[in-house]
All heavy atoms as atom14 arrays in JSON, in Angstrom:
{
  "sequence": "SKEFEESVGSSHSKAKYYLKRVFPERKRFKYSNPFVYKHKAVY",
  "atom14_mask": [
    [1, 1, 1, 1, 1, 1, 0, 0, 0, 0, 0, 0, 0, 0],
    [1, 1, 1, 1, 1, 1, 1, 1, 1, 0, 0, 0, 0, 0],
    [1, 1, 1, 1, 1, 1, 1, 1, 1, 0, 0, 0, 0, 0],
    [1, 1, 1, 1, 1, 1, 1, 1, 1, 1, 1, 0, 0, 0],
    [1, 1, 1, 1, 1, 1, 1, 1, 1, 0, 0, 0, 0, 0],
    [1, 1, 1, 1, 1, 1, 1, 1, 1, 0, 0, 0, 0, 0],
    [1, 1, 1, 1, 1, 1, 0, 0, 0, 0, 0, 0, 0, 0],
    [1, 1, 1, 1, 1, 1, 1, 0, 0, 0, 0, 0, 0, 0],
    [1, 1, 1, 1, 0, 0, 0, 0, 0, 0, 0, 0, 0, 0],
    [1, 1, 1, 1, 1, 1, 0, 0, 0, 0, 0, 0, 0, 0],
    [1, 1, 1, 1, 1, 1, 0, 0, 0, 0, 0, 0, 0, 0],
    [1, 1, 1, 1, 1, 1, 1, 1, 1, 1, 0, 0, 0, 0],
    [1, 1, 1, 1, 1, 1, 0, 0, 0, 0, 0, 0, 0, 0],
    [1, 1, 1, 1, 1, 1, 1, 1, 1, 0, 0, 0, 0, 0],
    [1, 1, 1, 1, 1, 0, 0, 0, 0, 0, 0, 0, 0, 0],
    [1, 1, 1, 1, 1, 1, 1, 1, 1, 0, 0, 0, 0, 0],
    [1, 1, 1, 1, 1, 1, 1, 1, 1, 1, 1, 1, 0, 0],
    [1, 1, 1, 1, 1, 1, 1, 1, 1, 1, 1, 1, 0, 0],
    [1, 1, 1, 1, 1, 1, 1, 1, 0, 0, 0, 0, 0, 0],
    [1, 1, 1, 1, 1, 1, 1, 1, 1, 0, 0, 0, 0, 0],
    [1, 1, 1, 1, 1, 1, 1, 1, 1, 1, 1, 0, 0, 0],
    [1, 1, 1, 1, 1, 1, 1, 0, 0, 0, 0, 0, 0, 0],
    [1, 1, 1, 1, 1, 1, 1, 1, 1, 1, 1, 0, 0, 0],
    [1, 1, 1, 1, 1, 1, 1, 0, 0, 0, 0, 0, 0, 0],
    [1, 1, 1, 1, 1, 1, 1, 1, 1, 0, 0, 0, 0, 0],
    [1, 1, 1, 1, 1, 1, 1, 1, 1, 1, 1, 0, 0, 0],
    [1, 1, 1, 1, 1, 1, 1, 1, 1, 0, 0, 0, 0, 0],
    [1, 1, 1, 1, 1, 1, 1, 1, 1, 1, 1, 0, 0, 0],
    [1, 1, 1, 1, 1, 1, 1, 1, 1, 1, 1, 0, 0, 0],
    [1, 1, 1, 1, 1, 1, 1, 1, 1, 0, 0, 0, 0, 0],
    [1, 1, 1, 1, 1, 1, 1, 1, 1, 1, 1, 1, 0, 0],
    [1, 1, 1, 1, 1, 1, 0, 0, 0, 0, 0, 0, 0, 0],
    [1, 1, 1, 1, 1, 1, 1, 1, 0, 0, 0, 0, 0, 0],
    [1, 1, 1, 1, 1, 1, 1, 0, 0, 0, 0, 0, 0, 0],
    [1, 1, 1, 1, 1, 1, 1, 1, 1, 1, 1, 0, 0, 0],
    [1, 1, 1, 1, 1, 1, 1, 0, 0, 0, 0, 0, 0, 0],
    [1, 1, 1, 1, 1, 1, 1, 1, 1, 1, 1, 1, 0, 0],
    [1, 1, 1, 1, 1, 1, 1, 1, 1, 0, 0, 0, 0, 0],
    [1, 1, 1, 1, 1, 1, 1, 1, 1, 1, 0, 0, 0, 0],
    [1, 1, 1, 1, 1, 1, 1, 1, 1, 0, 0, 0, 0, 0],
    [1, 1, 1, 1, 1, 0, 0, 0, 0, 0, 0, 0, 0, 0],
    [1, 1, 1, 1, 1, 1, 1, 0, 0, 0, 0, 0, 0, 0],
    [1, 1, 1, 1, 1, 1, 1, 1, 1, 1, 1, 1, 0, 0]
  ],
  "atom14_positions": [
    [[10.03, -26.98, 96.18], [9.53, -27.5, 97.45], [9.69, -29.02, 97.51], [10.09, -29.58, 98.54], [8.05, -27.13, 97.63], [7.89, -25.73, 97.71], [0.0, 0.0, 0.0], [0.0, 0.0, 0.0], [0.0, 0.0, 0.0], [0.0, 0.0, 0.0], [0.0, 0.0, 0.0], [0.0, 0.0, 0.0], [0.0, 0.0, 0.0], [0.0, 0.0, 0.0]],
    [[9.41, -29.67, 96.4], [9.56, -31.13, 96.33], [11.03, -31.53, 96.48], [11.36, -32.47, 97.21], [8.99, -31.64, 95.01], [9.09, -33.15, 94.83], [8.47, -33.57, 93.51], [8.71, -35.03, 93.23], [8.15, -35.92, 94.24], [0.0, 0.0, 0.0], [0.0, 0.0, 0.0], [0.0, 0.0, 0.0], [0.0, 0.0, 0.0], [0.0, 0.0, 0.0]],
    [[11.91, -30.81, 95.79], [13.34, -31.11, 95.88], [13.86, -30.89, 97.3], [14.72, -31.64, 97.78], [14.14, -30.26, 94.89], [13.99, -30.7, 93.45], [14.93, -29.96, 92.52], [15.55, -28.96, 92.98], [15.06, -30.37, 91.36], [0.0, 0.0, 0.0], [0.0, 0.0, 0.0], [0.0, 0.0, 0.0], [0.0, 0.0, 0.0], [0.0, 0.0, 0.0]],
    [[13.34, -29.87, 97.97], [13.75, -29.6, 99.35], [13.38, -30.77, 100.25], [14.21, -31.26, 101.04], [13.08, -28.32, 99.85], [13.43, -27.97, 101.27], [14.62, -27.32, 101.57], [12.57, -28.29, 102.32], [14.95, -27.0, 102.88], [12.89, -27.97, 103.62], [14.08, -27.33, 103.9], [0.0, 0.0, 0.0], [0.0, 0.0, 0.0], [0.0, 0.0, 0.0]],
    [[12.14, -31.25, 100.14], [11.7, -32.36, 100.97], [12.52, -33.62, 100.7], [12.91, -34.35, 101.62], [10.21, -32.64, 100.74], [9.29, -31.54, 101.21], [9.33, -31.34, 102.71], [9.59, -32.32, 103.43], [9.13, -30.2, 103.16], [0.0, 0.0, 0.0], [0.0, 0.0, 0.0], [0.0, 0.0, 0.0], [0.0, 0.0, 0.0], [0.0, 0.0, 0.0]],
    [[12.79, -33.9, 99.42], [13.53, -35.1, 99.07], [15.0, -34.99, 99.44], [15.66, -35.98, 99.75], [13.39, -35.37, 97.56], [11.98, -35.77, 97.15], [11.85, -35.98, 95.65], [12.81, -35.62, 94.93], [10.81, -36.5, 95.21], [0.0, 0.0, 0.0], [0.0, 0.0, 0.0], [0.0, 0.0, 0.0], [0.0, 0.0, 0.0], [0.0, 0.0, 0.0]],
    [[15.53, -33.78, 99.43], [16.95, -33.57, 99.66], [17.33, -33.64, 101.14], [18.34, -34.24, 101.51], [17.39, -32.22, 99.08], [18.74, -31.98, 99.33], [0.0, 0.0, 0.0], [0.0, 0.0, 0.0], [0.0, 0.0, 0.0], [0.0, 0.0, 0.0], [0.0, 0.0, 0.0], [0.0, 0.0, 0.0], [0.0, 0.0, 0.0], [0.0, 0.0, 0.0]],
    [[16.51, -33.04, 102.0], [16.9, -32.94, 103.42], [16.02, -33.78, 104.34], [16.33, -33.91, 105.53], [16.88, -31.47, 103.88], [17.81, -30.64, 103.03], [15.47, -30.89, 103.84], [0.0, 0.0, 0.0], [0.0, 0.0, 0.0], [0.0, 0.0, 0.0], [0.0, 0.0, 0.0], [0.0, 0.0, 0.0], [0.0, 0.0, 0.0], [0.0, 0.0, 0.0]],
    [[14.92, -34.34, 103.79], [14.09, -35.21, 104.61], [13.49, -34.5, 105.8], [13.11, -33.33, 105.75], [0.0, 0.0, 0.0], [0.0, 0.0, 0.0], [0.0, 0.0, 0.0], [0.0, 0.0, 0.0], [0.0, 0.0, 0.0], [0.0, 0.0, 0.0], [0.0, 0.0, 0.0], [0.0, 0.0, 0.0], [0.0, 0.0, 0.0], [0.0, 0.0, 0.0]],
    [[13.45, -35.2, 106.92], [12.8, -34.66, 108.12], [13.62, -33.58, 108.82], [13.12, -32.88, 109.69], [12.52, -35.8, 109.11], [13.73, -36.44, 109.48], [0.0, 0.0, 0.0], [0.0, 0.0, 0.0], [0.0, 0.0, 0.0], [0.0, 0.0, 0.0], [0.0, 0.0, 0.0], [0.0, 0.0, 0.0], [0.0, 0.0, 0.0], [0.0, 0.0, 0.0]],
    [[14.9, -33.44, 108.44], [15.74, -32.44, 109.11], [15.32, -31.01, 108.8], [15.49, -30.1, 109.6], [17.2, -32.62, 108.71], [17.41, -32.21, 107.36], [0.0, 0.0, 0.0], [0.0, 0.0, 0.0], [0.0, 0.0, 0.0], [0.0, 0.0, 0.0], [0.0, 0.0, 0.0], [0.0, 0.0, 0.0], [0.0, 0.0, 0.0], [0.0, 0.0, 0.0]],
    [[14.74, -30.8, 107.6], [14.31, -29.47, 107.15], [15.43, -28.43, 107.29], [15.17, -27.27, 107.59], [13.06, -29.01, 107.91], [11.81, -29.63, 107.38], [11.49, -30.95, 107.6], [10.81, -29.12, 106.62], [10.34, -31.23, 107.01], [9.9, -30.15, 106.4], [0.0, 0.0, 0.0], [0.0, 0.0, 0.0], [0.0, 0.0, 0.0], [0.0, 0.0, 0.0]],
    [[16.67, -28.88, 107.1], [17.82, -27.98, 107.21], [18.04, -27.26, 105.89], [18.38, -27.87, 104.88], [19.07, -28.77, 107.59], [20.22, -27.97, 107.45], [0.0, 0.0, 0.0], [0.0, 0.0, 0.0], [0.0, 0.0, 0.0], [0.0, 0.0, 0.0], [0.0, 0.0, 0.0], [0.0, 0.0, 0.0], [0.0, 0.0, 0.0], [0.0, 0.0, 0.0]],
    [[17.84, -25.93, 105.9], [18.04, -25.16, 104.68], [19.51, -25.07, 104.32], [19.88, -25.06, 103.14], [17.44, -23.76, 104.85], [15.92, -23.81, 105.04], [15.31, -22.43, 105.2], [13.8, -22.54, 105.42], [13.15, -21.23, 105.56], [0.0, 0.0, 0.0], [0.0, 0.0, 0.0], [0.0, 0.0, 0.0], [0.0, 0.0, 0.0], [0.0, 0.0, 0.0]],
    [[20.38, -25.06, 105.32], [21.83, -25.05, 105.06], [22.25, -26.32, 104.34], [23.04, -26.29, 103.39], [22.6, -24.9, 106.37], [0.0, 0.0, 0.0], [0.0, 0.0, 0.0], [0.0, 0.0, 0.0], [0.0, 0.0, 0.0], [0.0, 0.0, 0.0], [0.0, 0.0, 0.0], [0.0, 0.0, 0.0], [0.0, 0.0, 0.0], [0.0, 0.0, 0.0]],
    [[21.71, -27.45, 104.78], [22.01, -28.75, 104.15], [21.51, -28.76, 102.7], [22.19, -29.26, 101.8], [21.35, -29.87, 104.95], [21.62, -31.27, 104.41], [20.94, -32.31, 105.29], [21.15, -33.72, 104.73], [20.46, -34.74, 105.57], [0.0, 0.0, 0.0], [0.0, 0.0, 0.0], [0.0, 0.0, 0.0], [0.0, 0.0, 0.0], [0.0, 0.0, 0.0]],
    [[20.34, -28.18, 102.48], [19.78, -28.13, 101.12], [20.68, -27.33, 100.19], [21.02, -27.77, 99.09], [18.38, -27.5, 101.16], [17.79, -27.24, 99.79], [17.21, -28.27, 99.06], [17.83, -25.97, 99.23], [16.68, -28.04, 97.8], [17.3, -25.73, 97.97], [16.73, -26.77, 97.27], [16.21, -26.54, 96.01], [0.0, 0.0, 0.0], [0.0, 0.0, 0.0]],
    [[21.07, -26.12, 100.63], [21.9, -25.27, 99.78], [23.26, -25.91, 99.52], [23.82, -25.79, 98.42], [22.09, -23.89, 100.41], [20.85, -23.02, 100.31], [20.24, -22.48, 101.45], [20.28, -22.74, 99.07], [19.12, -21.68, 101.35], [19.15, -21.95, 98.96], [18.58, -21.42, 100.1], [17.45, -20.64, 99.99], [0.0, 0.0, 0.0], [0.0, 0.0, 0.0]],
    [[23.8, -26.62, 100.51], [25.09, -27.29, 100.33], [24.97, -28.36, 99.25], [25.86, -28.5, 98.39], [25.53, -27.92, 101.66], [26.97, -28.47, 101.71], [27.98, -27.34, 101.53], [27.21, -29.21, 103.02], [0.0, 0.0, 0.0], [0.0, 0.0, 0.0], [0.0, 0.0, 0.0], [0.0, 0.0, 0.0], [0.0, 0.0, 0.0], [0.0, 0.0, 0.0]],
    [[23.86, -29.09, 99.27], [23.65, -30.13, 98.25], [23.42, -29.52, 96.87], [23.77, -30.13, 95.86], [22.46, -31.01, 98.64], [22.77, -32.01, 99.73], [21.63, -33.01, 99.87], [22.01, -34.14, 100.82], [20.98, -35.2, 100.85], [0.0, 0.0, 0.0], [0.0, 0.0, 0.0], [0.0, 0.0, 0.0], [0.0, 0.0, 0.0], [0.0, 0.0, 0.0]],
    [[22.82, -28.35, 96.83], [22.57, -27.69, 95.54], [23.86, -27.15, 94.94], [24.05, -27.18, 93.73], [21.55, -26.56, 95.73], [20.17, -27.02, 96.09], [19.5, -27.77, 94.96], [18.98, -26.84, 93.96], [18.86, -27.12, 92.68], [19.3, -28.27, 92.21], [18.36, -26.24, 91.85], [0.0, 0.0, 0.0], [0.0, 0.0, 0.0], [0.0, 0.0, 0.0]],
    [[24.76, -26.65, 95.79], [26.03, -26.12, 95.29], [26.99, -27.24, 94.95], [27.73, -27.18, 93.96], [26.67, -25.18, 96.34], [28.05, -24.71, 95.86], [25.77, -23.97, 96.58], [0.0, 0.0, 0.0], [0.0, 0.0, 0.0], [0.0, 0.0, 0.0], [0.0, 0.0, 0.0], [0.0, 0.0, 0.0], [0.0, 0.0, 0.0], [0.0, 0.0, 0.0]],
    [[26.97, -28.31, 95.78], [27.87, -29.44, 95.56], [27.05, -30.73, 95.41], [27.06, -31.6, 96.28], [28.86, -29.59, 96.72], [29.73, -28.39, 96.94], [29.47, -27.51, 97.98], [30.8, -28.13, 96.09], [30.26, -26.39, 98.19], [31.59, -27.0, 96.28], [31.33, -26.13, 97.33], [0.0, 0.0, 0.0], [0.0, 0.0, 0.0], [0.0, 0.0, 0.0]],
    [[26.31, -30.86, 94.3], [25.48, -32.06, 94.11], [26.34, -33.3, 93.89], [27.48, -33.21, 93.43], [24.66, -31.72, 92.86], [25.5, -30.75, 92.12], [26.22, -29.94, 93.16], [0.0, 0.0, 0.0], [0.0, 0.0, 0.0], [0.0, 0.0, 0.0], [0.0, 0.0, 0.0], [0.0, 0.0, 0.0], [0.0, 0.0, 0.0], [0.0, 0.0, 0.0]],
    [[25.79, -34.45, 94.21], [26.5, -35.7, 93.99], [26.65, -35.94, 92.49], [25.79, -35.56, 91.69], [25.73, -36.86, 94.61], [25.62, -36.79, 96.12], [24.81, -37.94, 96.68], [23.57, -37.81, 96.72], [25.41, -38.96, 97.05], [0.0, 0.0, 0.0], [0.0, 0.0, 0.0], [0.0, 0.0, 0.0], [0.0, 0.0, 0.0], [0.0, 0.0, 0.0]],
    [[27.75, -36.6, 92.13], [28.03, -36.83, 90.71], [26.93, -37.68, 90.06], [26.62, -37.5, 88.88], [29.41, -37.51, 90.56], [29.91, -37.63, 89.12], [31.42, -37.87, 89.1], [31.78, -38.97, 89.96], [31.89, -40.25, 89.55], [31.66, -40.55, 88.29], [32.24, -41.2, 90.39], [0.0, 0.0, 0.0], [0.0, 0.0, 0.0], [0.0, 0.0, 0.0]],
    [[26.35, -38.58, 90.81], [25.32, -39.47, 90.24], [24.09, -38.69, 89.76], [23.31, -39.2, 88.95], [24.9, -40.53, 91.25], [24.19, -39.99, 92.48], [23.83, -41.12, 93.44], [23.08, -40.61, 94.66], [22.75, -41.71, 95.6], [0.0, 0.0, 0.0], [0.0, 0.0, 0.0], [0.0, 0.0, 0.0], [0.0, 0.0, 0.0], [0.0, 0.0, 0.0]],
    [[23.94, -37.46, 90.25], [22.81, -36.63, 89.83], [22.86, -36.33, 88.32], [21.84, -36.07, 87.68], [22.82, -35.32, 90.62], [21.66, -34.38, 90.33], [21.83, -33.09, 91.09], [20.77, -32.15, 90.8], [19.67, -32.01, 91.51], [19.48, -32.74, 92.58], [18.75, -31.11, 91.19], [0.0, 0.0, 0.0], [0.0, 0.0, 0.0], [0.0, 0.0, 0.0]],
    [[24.07, -36.4, 87.76], [24.25, -36.04, 86.35], [24.38, -37.26, 85.43], [24.83, -37.15, 84.3], [25.5, -35.16, 86.2], [25.43, -33.91, 87.02], [26.06, -33.82, 88.26], [24.7, -32.82, 86.58], [25.99, -32.68, 89.02], [24.62, -31.66, 87.33], [25.26, -31.59, 88.57], [0.0, 0.0, 0.0], [0.0, 0.0, 0.0], [0.0, 0.0, 0.0]],
    [[23.96, -38.42, 85.94], [24.1, -39.66, 85.17], [23.43, -39.56, 83.81], [23.95, -40.05, 82.81], [23.51, -40.83, 85.96], [23.66, -42.18, 85.26], [23.17, -43.31, 86.14], [23.36, -44.65, 85.44], [22.92, -45.78, 86.32], [0.0, 0.0, 0.0], [0.0, 0.0, 0.0], [0.0, 0.0, 0.0], [0.0, 0.0, 0.0], [0.0, 0.0, 0.0]],
    [[22.27, -38.92, 83.76], [21.53, -38.82, 82.51], [21.57, -37.44, 81.88], [21.6, -37.3, 80.67], [20.07, -39.24, 82.75], [19.94, -40.61, 83.35], [19.45, -40.78, 84.65], [20.33, -41.75, 82.64], [19.35, -42.04, 85.22], [20.22, -43.01, 83.21], [19.74, -43.15, 84.49], [19.64, -44.39, 85.04], [0.0, 0.0, 0.0], [0.0, 0.0, 0.0]],
    [[21.6, -36.41, 82.71], [21.61, -35.05, 82.16], [22.98, -34.66, 81.59], [23.07, -33.84, 80.68], [21.2, -34.03, 83.23], [22.12, -34.05, 84.33], [0.0, 0.0, 0.0], [0.0, 0.0, 0.0], [0.0, 0.0, 0.0], [0.0, 0.0, 0.0], [0.0, 0.0, 0.0], [0.0, 0.0, 0.0], [0.0, 0.0, 0.0], [0.0, 0.0, 0.0]],
    [[24.07, -35.24, 82.13], [25.41, -34.96, 81.62], [26.28, -36.21, 81.77], [27.12, -36.3, 82.67], [26.03, -33.78, 82.38], [27.18, -33.15, 81.63], [27.97, -33.85, 80.99], [27.3, -31.84, 81.7], [0.0, 0.0, 0.0], [0.0, 0.0, 0.0], [0.0, 0.0, 0.0], [0.0, 0.0, 0.0], [0.0, 0.0, 0.0], [0.0, 0.0, 0.0]],
    [[26.08, -37.19, 80.9], [26.78, -38.48, 81.02], [28.3, -38.36, 81.03], [28.98, -39.16, 81.69], [26.29, -39.25, 79.78], [25.01, -38.61, 79.4], [25.17, -37.17, 79.76], [0.0, 0.0, 0.0], [0.0, 0.0, 0.0], [0.0, 0.0, 0.0], [0.0, 0.0, 0.0], [0.0, 0.0, 0.0], [0.0, 0.0, 0.0], [0.0, 0.0, 0.0]],
    [[28.85, -37.38, 80.32], [30.31, -37.24, 80.26], [30.87, -36.93, 81.64], [31.86, -37.53, 82.08], [30.69, -36.13, 79.27], [32.18, -35.93, 79.13], [32.93, -36.77, 78.31], [32.83, -34.92, 79.82], [34.3, -36.6, 78.19], [34.2, -34.72, 79.7], [34.94, -35.58, 78.88], [0.0, 0.0, 0.0], [0.0, 0.0, 0.0], [0.0, 0.0, 0.0]],
    [[30.23, -36.0, 82.34], [30.67, -35.64, 83.69], [30.5, -36.82, 84.64], [31.35, -37.08, 85.5], [29.87, -34.42, 84.21], [30.11, -34.2, 85.7], [30.23, -33.18, 83.41], [0.0, 0.0, 0.0], [0.0, 0.0, 0.0], [0.0, 0.0, 0.0], [0.0, 0.0, 0.0], [0.0, 0.0, 0.0], [0.0, 0.0, 0.0], [0.0, 0.0, 0.0]],
    [[29.42, -37.56, 84.46], [29.17, -38.72, 85.32], [30.24, -39.8, 85.13], [30.71, -40.4, 86.1], [27.79, -39.28, 85.02], [27.49, -40.58, 85.75], [27.2, -40.58, 87.12], [27.52, -41.79, 85.07], [26.94, -41.76, 87.79], [27.26, -42.98, 85.74], [26.97, -42.96, 87.1], [26.73, -44.14, 87.76], [0.0, 0.0, 0.0], [0.0, 0.0, 0.0]],
    [[30.64, -40.03, 83.9], [31.59, -41.11, 83.6], [33.03, -40.74, 83.95], [33.84, -41.61, 84.25], [31.5, -41.47, 82.12], [30.2, -42.16, 81.73], [30.16, -42.44, 80.23], [28.83, -43.08, 79.83], [28.78, -43.3, 78.35], [0.0, 0.0, 0.0], [0.0, 0.0, 0.0], [0.0, 0.0, 0.0], [0.0, 0.0, 0.0], [0.0, 0.0, 0.0]],
    [[33.39, -39.46, 83.91], [34.78, -39.05, 84.11], [34.92, -38.29, 85.43], [34.68, -37.08, 85.51], [35.25, -38.17, 82.94], [35.2, -38.89, 81.63], [34.05, -38.97, 80.86], [36.16, -39.59, 80.95], [34.3, -39.67, 79.76], [35.57, -40.06, 79.8], [0.0, 0.0, 0.0], [0.0, 0.0, 0.0], [0.0, 0.0, 0.0], [0.0, 0.0, 0.0]],
    [[35.3, -39.02, 86.44], [35.38, -38.49, 87.79], [36.32, -37.28, 87.9], [36.07, -36.34, 88.64], [35.85, -39.59, 88.73], [35.74, -39.26, 90.21], [36.1, -40.47, 91.05], [35.96, -40.14, 92.53], [36.28, -41.35, 93.37], [0.0, 0.0, 0.0], [0.0, 0.0, 0.0], [0.0, 0.0, 0.0], [0.0, 0.0, 0.0], [0.0, 0.0, 0.0]],
    [[37.44, -37.32, 87.12], [38.43, -36.23, 87.19], [37.87, -34.9, 86.68], [38.33, -33.82, 87.07], [39.67, -36.62, 86.39], [0.0, 0.0, 0.0], [0.0, 0.0, 0.0], [0.0, 0.0, 0.0], [0.0, 0.0, 0.0], [0.0, 0.0, 0.0], [0.0, 0.0, 0.0], [0.0, 0.0, 0.0], [0.0, 0.0, 0.0], [0.0, 0.0, 0.0]],
    [[36.86, -34.98, 85.82], [36.28, -33.77, 85.23], [35.32, -33.08, 86.21], [35.1, -31.88, 86.13], [35.53, -34.14, 83.92], [34.79, -32.93, 83.34], [36.49, -34.71, 82.9], [0.0, 0.0, 0.0], [0.0, 0.0, 0.0], [0.0, 0.0, 0.0], [0.0, 0.0, 0.0], [0.0, 0.0, 0.0], [0.0, 0.0, 0.0], [0.0, 0.0, 0.0]],
    [[34.77, -33.86, 87.14], [33.7, -33.38, 88.01], [34.03, -32.09, 88.77], [33.22, -31.16, 88.76], [33.29, -34.49, 88.97], [32.09, -34.18, 89.8], [30.87, -33.86, 89.19], [32.15, -34.16, 91.18], [29.76, -33.56, 89.93], [31.03, -33.85, 91.94], [29.84, -33.55, 91.32], [28.74, -33.25, 92.06], [0.0, 0.0, 0.0], [0.0, 0.0, 0.0]]
  ]
}
């Protein structure tokens, strides 16, 4: 629920949320997967 609010804000678009979950931004993995974050071609 918290991730939903932070991800889509006031739009409350569930389609937008699922799109972000399937195709998250590379910066999301800066700490959880540094290799993927550093190597754009691998993403």
